[in-house]
């Protein structure tokens, strides 16, 4: 009797500073995102998608596997073994009393943010090629809200609820309605210290936000 595959976990939570530092490499962030959207695939295919060498991709995939972000997928032949992501999303602490964890988590957040904005800039540069209906549907906007930490947390949870009904379409193409295309939704909410606010001192650096990759959903 054929053994059934276990469903992929929704998220992997990184707390080990070594894992956080390892994942902060741009090529590794890219590989995990591609495996989530286009995997499984081999190191050879990874090289085609990223422009890196096969040896480089193979090395980075092994590092990612060491920290549980990817794993070997069934169906490989010889040295051409396929890899797959172990979860749909990655998240990590937005705050830690452990200085090594906090430092590594912040460095990863910066690396992921840089990749987010690189992707957004590429999308904006080429958007003139899109059909009109997609250009009008795309969203580029920002809002300034006055919130408490508890309200910001609740705000994020409400956005999660809005996104959740569409998540299974990534792994199950049969759920996608006609005309559906891949749309990346980036969510960044941060305490804006550039706005004058008598109630907030510059000496405070606390944040109640928990960051996430994809990578959340890259990825």
Protein backbone atom coordinates (compact mmCIF):
# COMPACT_ATOMS: atom_id res chain seq x y z
CA UNK A 1 0.00 0.00 0.00
CA UNK A 2 1.39 3.39 -1.00
CA UNK A 3 2.24 5.62 1.94
CA UNK A 4 0.45 8.96 1.93
CA UNK A 5 2.49 12.13 2.11
CA UNK A 6 1.99 14.28 5.16
CA UNK A 7 0.49 17.69 4.33
CA UNK A 8 2.98 20.53 4.22
CA UNK A 9 3.00 22.64 7.41
CA UNK A 10 1.77 26.19 6.97
CA UNK A 11 4.78 27.80 8.61
CA UNK A 12 8.26 27.09 9.95
CA UNK A 13 9.37 29.20 12.91
CA UNK A 14 13.07 30.05 13.17
CA UNK A 15 14.55 30.89 16.57
CA UNK A 16 18.10 29.54 16.30
CA UNK A 17 20.42 32.49 15.51
CA UNK A 18 22.50 30.19 13.29
CA UNK A 19 19.43 29.35 11.21
CA UNK A 20 18.41 33.01 11.07
CA UNK A 21 21.86 34.04 9.85
CA UNK A 22 21.99 31.19 7.34
CA UNK A 23 18.62 32.09 5.85
CA UNK A 24 19.54 35.78 5.47
CA UNK A 25 21.63 35.04 2.37
CA UNK A 26 19.86 36.49 -0.72
CA UNK A 27 20.27 33.33 -2.81
CA UNK A 28 18.80 31.17 -0.05
CA UNK A 29 15.82 33.47 0.39
CA UNK A 30 15.29 33.32 -3.37
CA UNK A 31 15.57 29.52 -3.49
CA UNK A 32 13.02 28.98 -0.73
CA UNK A 33 10.60 31.36 -2.42
CA UNK A 34 11.02 29.63 -5.78
CA UNK A 35 10.55 26.19 -4.25
CA UNK A 36 7.31 27.38 -2.69
CA UNK A 37 5.99 28.79 -5.94
CA UNK A 38 7.56 26.51 -8.56
CA UNK A 39 9.03 23.48 -6.79
CA UNK A 40 10.02 20.78 -6.38
CA UNK A 41 13.10 21.13 -8.59
CA UNK A 42 16.74 20.09 -8.81
CA UNK A 43 19.87 22.17 -8.31
CA UNK A 44 20.19 22.29 -12.10
CA UNK A 45 16.77 23.87 -12.43
CA UNK A 46 17.53 26.16 -9.49
CA UNK A 47 20.58 27.42 -11.38
CA UNK A 48 18.43 28.19 -14.43
CA UNK A 49 15.93 30.11 -12.31
CA UNK A 50 18.42 32.11 -10.25
CA UNK A 51 21.34 32.59 -12.63
CA UNK A 52 23.68 31.00 -10.08
CA UNK A 53 25.90 28.01 -10.84
CA UNK A 54 24.65 24.47 -10.18
CA UNK A 55 27.38 23.99 -7.58
CA UNK A 56 26.35 27.18 -5.78
CA UNK A 57 22.67 26.23 -5.74
CA UNK A 58 23.48 22.73 -4.53
CA UNK A 59 25.53 24.18 -1.67
CA UNK A 60 22.83 26.66 -0.65
CA UNK A 61 20.13 23.99 -0.80
CA UNK A 62 22.15 21.78 1.53
CA UNK A 63 22.53 24.65 3.99
CA UNK A 64 18.79 25.29 3.86
CA UNK A 65 18.14 21.59 4.46
CA UNK A 66 20.44 21.67 7.49
CA UNK A 67 18.11 24.18 9.14
CA UNK A 68 14.87 22.52 8.07
CA UNK A 69 13.76 25.00 5.40
CA UNK A 70 13.97 22.55 2.50
CA UNK A 71 14.17 18.79 2.12
CA UNK A 72 14.75 16.18 -0.56
CA UNK A 73 11.63 15.36 -2.55
CA UNK A 74 10.82 11.87 -3.85
CA UNK A 75 11.48 10.93 -7.46
CA UNK A 76 15.16 11.76 -7.79
CA UNK A 77 17.55 9.87 -10.04
CA UNK A 78 21.23 9.68 -9.27
CA UNK A 79 22.72 13.06 -8.50
CA UNK A 80 19.70 14.90 -9.92
CA UNK A 81 17.69 14.88 -6.72
CA UNK A 82 14.74 17.26 -6.46
CA UNK A 83 14.22 19.56 -3.47
CA UNK A 84 11.06 20.99 -1.95
CA UNK A 85 10.18 23.57 0.67
CA UNK A 86 9.15 22.21 4.06
CA UNK A 87 6.49 24.88 4.73
CA UNK A 88 4.52 27.58 2.95
CA UNK A 89 5.86 30.42 5.07
CA UNK A 90 8.76 31.30 7.35
CA UNK A 91 8.45 33.41 10.46
CA UNK A 92 10.81 34.47 13.21
CA UNK A 93 10.71 36.55 16.41
CA UNK A 94 10.02 40.25 16.19
CA UNK A 95 11.47 40.56 19.71
CA UNK A 96 13.83 38.46 21.80
CA UNK A 97 15.58 38.98 25.15
CA UNK A 98 18.46 36.98 23.68
CA UNK A 99 20.73 39.53 22.00
CA UNK A 100 22.10 37.00 19.49
CA UNK A 101 18.58 36.03 18.40
CA UNK A 102 17.43 39.66 18.20
CA UNK A 103 20.45 40.68 16.13
CA UNK A 104 20.13 37.74 13.73
CA UNK A 105 16.36 38.23 13.39
CA UNK A 106 16.79 41.92 12.58
CA UNK A 107 19.44 41.11 9.97
CA UNK A 108 17.09 38.59 8.35
CA UNK A 109 14.24 41.12 8.35
CA UNK A 110 16.48 43.62 6.54
CA UNK A 111 17.54 41.00 3.96
CA UNK A 112 13.92 40.00 3.30
CA UNK A 113 12.79 43.64 3.07
CA UNK A 114 15.52 44.33 0.51
CA UNK A 115 14.29 41.41 -1.59
CA UNK A 116 10.67 42.58 -1.26
CA UNK A 117 11.48 46.02 -2.62
CA UNK A 118 13.68 44.67 -5.41
CA UNK A 119 10.73 42.60 -6.58
CA UNK A 120 8.31 45.53 -6.30
CA UNK A 121 10.63 47.79 -8.33
CA UNK A 122 10.95 45.14 -11.05
CA UNK A 123 7.17 44.76 -11.14
CA UNK A 124 6.62 48.52 -11.42
CA UNK A 125 9.22 48.84 -14.18
CA UNK A 126 7.43 46.25 -16.35
CA UNK A 127 3.80 46.94 -15.43
CA UNK A 128 3.16 48.92 -18.64
CA UNK A 129 3.16 45.55 -20.41
CA UNK A 130 0.21 44.28 -18.37
CA UNK A 131 -3.38 44.25 -19.65
CA UNK A 132 -5.37 47.28 -18.49
CA UNK A 133 -7.54 45.25 -16.09
CA UNK A 134 -4.43 44.11 -14.18
CA UNK A 135 -2.86 47.58 -14.13
CA UNK A 136 -6.06 48.97 -12.64
CA UNK A 137 -6.35 46.13 -10.12
CA UNK A 138 -2.78 46.36 -8.80
CA UNK A 139 -2.35 48.34 -5.62
CA UNK A 140 0.47 50.72 -4.66
CA UNK A 141 -0.53 52.77 -1.62
CA UNK A 142 0.32 53.54 1.98
CA UNK A 143 -1.65 54.63 5.04
CA UNK A 144 -0.67 56.34 8.27
CA UNK A 145 -2.65 54.94 11.19
CA UNK A 146 -2.44 55.71 14.90
CA UNK A 147 -2.60 52.34 16.64
CA UNK A 148 -1.67 50.71 19.92
CA UNK A 149 0.50 47.57 19.84
CA UNK A 150 -2.61 45.48 20.59
CA UNK A 151 -4.52 47.13 17.74
CA UNK A 152 -1.64 46.56 15.32
CA UNK A 153 -1.56 42.89 16.29
CA UNK A 154 -5.33 42.61 15.77
CA UNK A 155 -5.00 44.43 12.44
CA UNK A 156 -2.48 41.83 11.26
CA UNK A 157 -4.74 38.98 12.37
CA UNK A 158 -7.64 40.43 10.35
CA UNK A 159 -5.46 40.61 7.24
CA UNK A 160 -4.46 36.97 7.83
CA UNK A 161 -8.15 36.05 7.89
CA UNK A 162 -8.72 37.84 4.59
CA UNK A 163 -5.84 36.02 2.89
CA UNK A 164 -6.43 32.54 4.27
CA UNK A 165 -9.30 31.51 1.91
CA UNK A 166 -6.97 31.96 -1.09
CA UNK A 167 -3.93 30.11 0.29
CA UNK A 168 -4.80 26.60 -0.88
CA UNK A 169 -4.89 27.77 -4.48
CA UNK A 170 -1.10 27.75 -4.49
CA UNK A 171 -0.81 24.01 -3.87
CA UNK A 172 -4.05 22.98 -5.60
CA UNK A 173 -4.44 24.48 -9.10
CA UNK A 174 -7.97 23.03 -9.38
CA UNK A 175 -9.13 25.67 -6.86
CA UNK A 176 -8.05 28.57 -9.09
CA UNK A 177 -10.88 30.23 -11.01
CA UNK A 178 -10.43 31.05 -14.68
CA UNK A 179 -8.23 34.10 -15.11
CA UNK A 180 -6.45 33.71 -11.76
CA UNK A 181 -2.77 34.65 -11.85
CA UNK A 182 -0.02 34.68 -9.19
CA UNK A 183 -0.25 37.88 -7.13
CA UNK A 184 2.31 38.72 -4.44
CA UNK A 185 0.91 40.58 -1.45
CA UNK A 186 3.54 42.22 0.78
CA UNK A 187 2.50 43.33 4.26
CA UNK A 188 4.76 45.71 6.16
CA UNK A 189 3.53 47.69 9.15
CA UNK A 190 6.13 49.55 11.19
CA UNK A 191 6.33 52.21 13.87
CA UNK A 192 7.05 55.39 11.90
CA UNK A 193 9.59 57.44 13.82
CA UNK A 194 9.80 60.05 11.06
CA UNK A 195 6.37 61.39 12.01
CA UNK A 196 6.53 63.86 14.94
CA UNK A 197 4.76 62.30 17.89
CA UNK A 198 5.01 63.76 21.39
CA UNK A 199 3.97 60.47 22.89
CA UNK A 200 6.94 58.49 21.57
CA UNK A 201 10.56 59.02 22.51
CA UNK A 202 13.41 58.28 20.13
CA UNK A 203 15.14 56.22 22.80
CA UNK A 204 12.56 53.43 22.62
CA UNK A 205 13.20 50.57 20.21
CA UNK A 206 10.46 48.12 21.18
CA UNK A 207 8.38 46.47 18.51
CA UNK A 208 5.40 44.19 18.90
CA UNK A 209 5.51 43.10 15.29
CA UNK A 210 6.50 39.57 14.29
CA UNK A 211 8.12 39.57 10.89
CA UNK A 212 7.72 36.91 8.29
CA UNK A 213 9.28 36.00 4.94
CA UNK A 214 8.23 35.01 1.21
CA UNK A 215 9.37 34.70 1.43
CA UNK A 216 6.01 35.13 3.52
CA UNK A 217 4.39 33.12 0.48
CA UNK A 218 7.40 33.75 -1.98
CA UNK A 219 9.16 33.30 -0.76
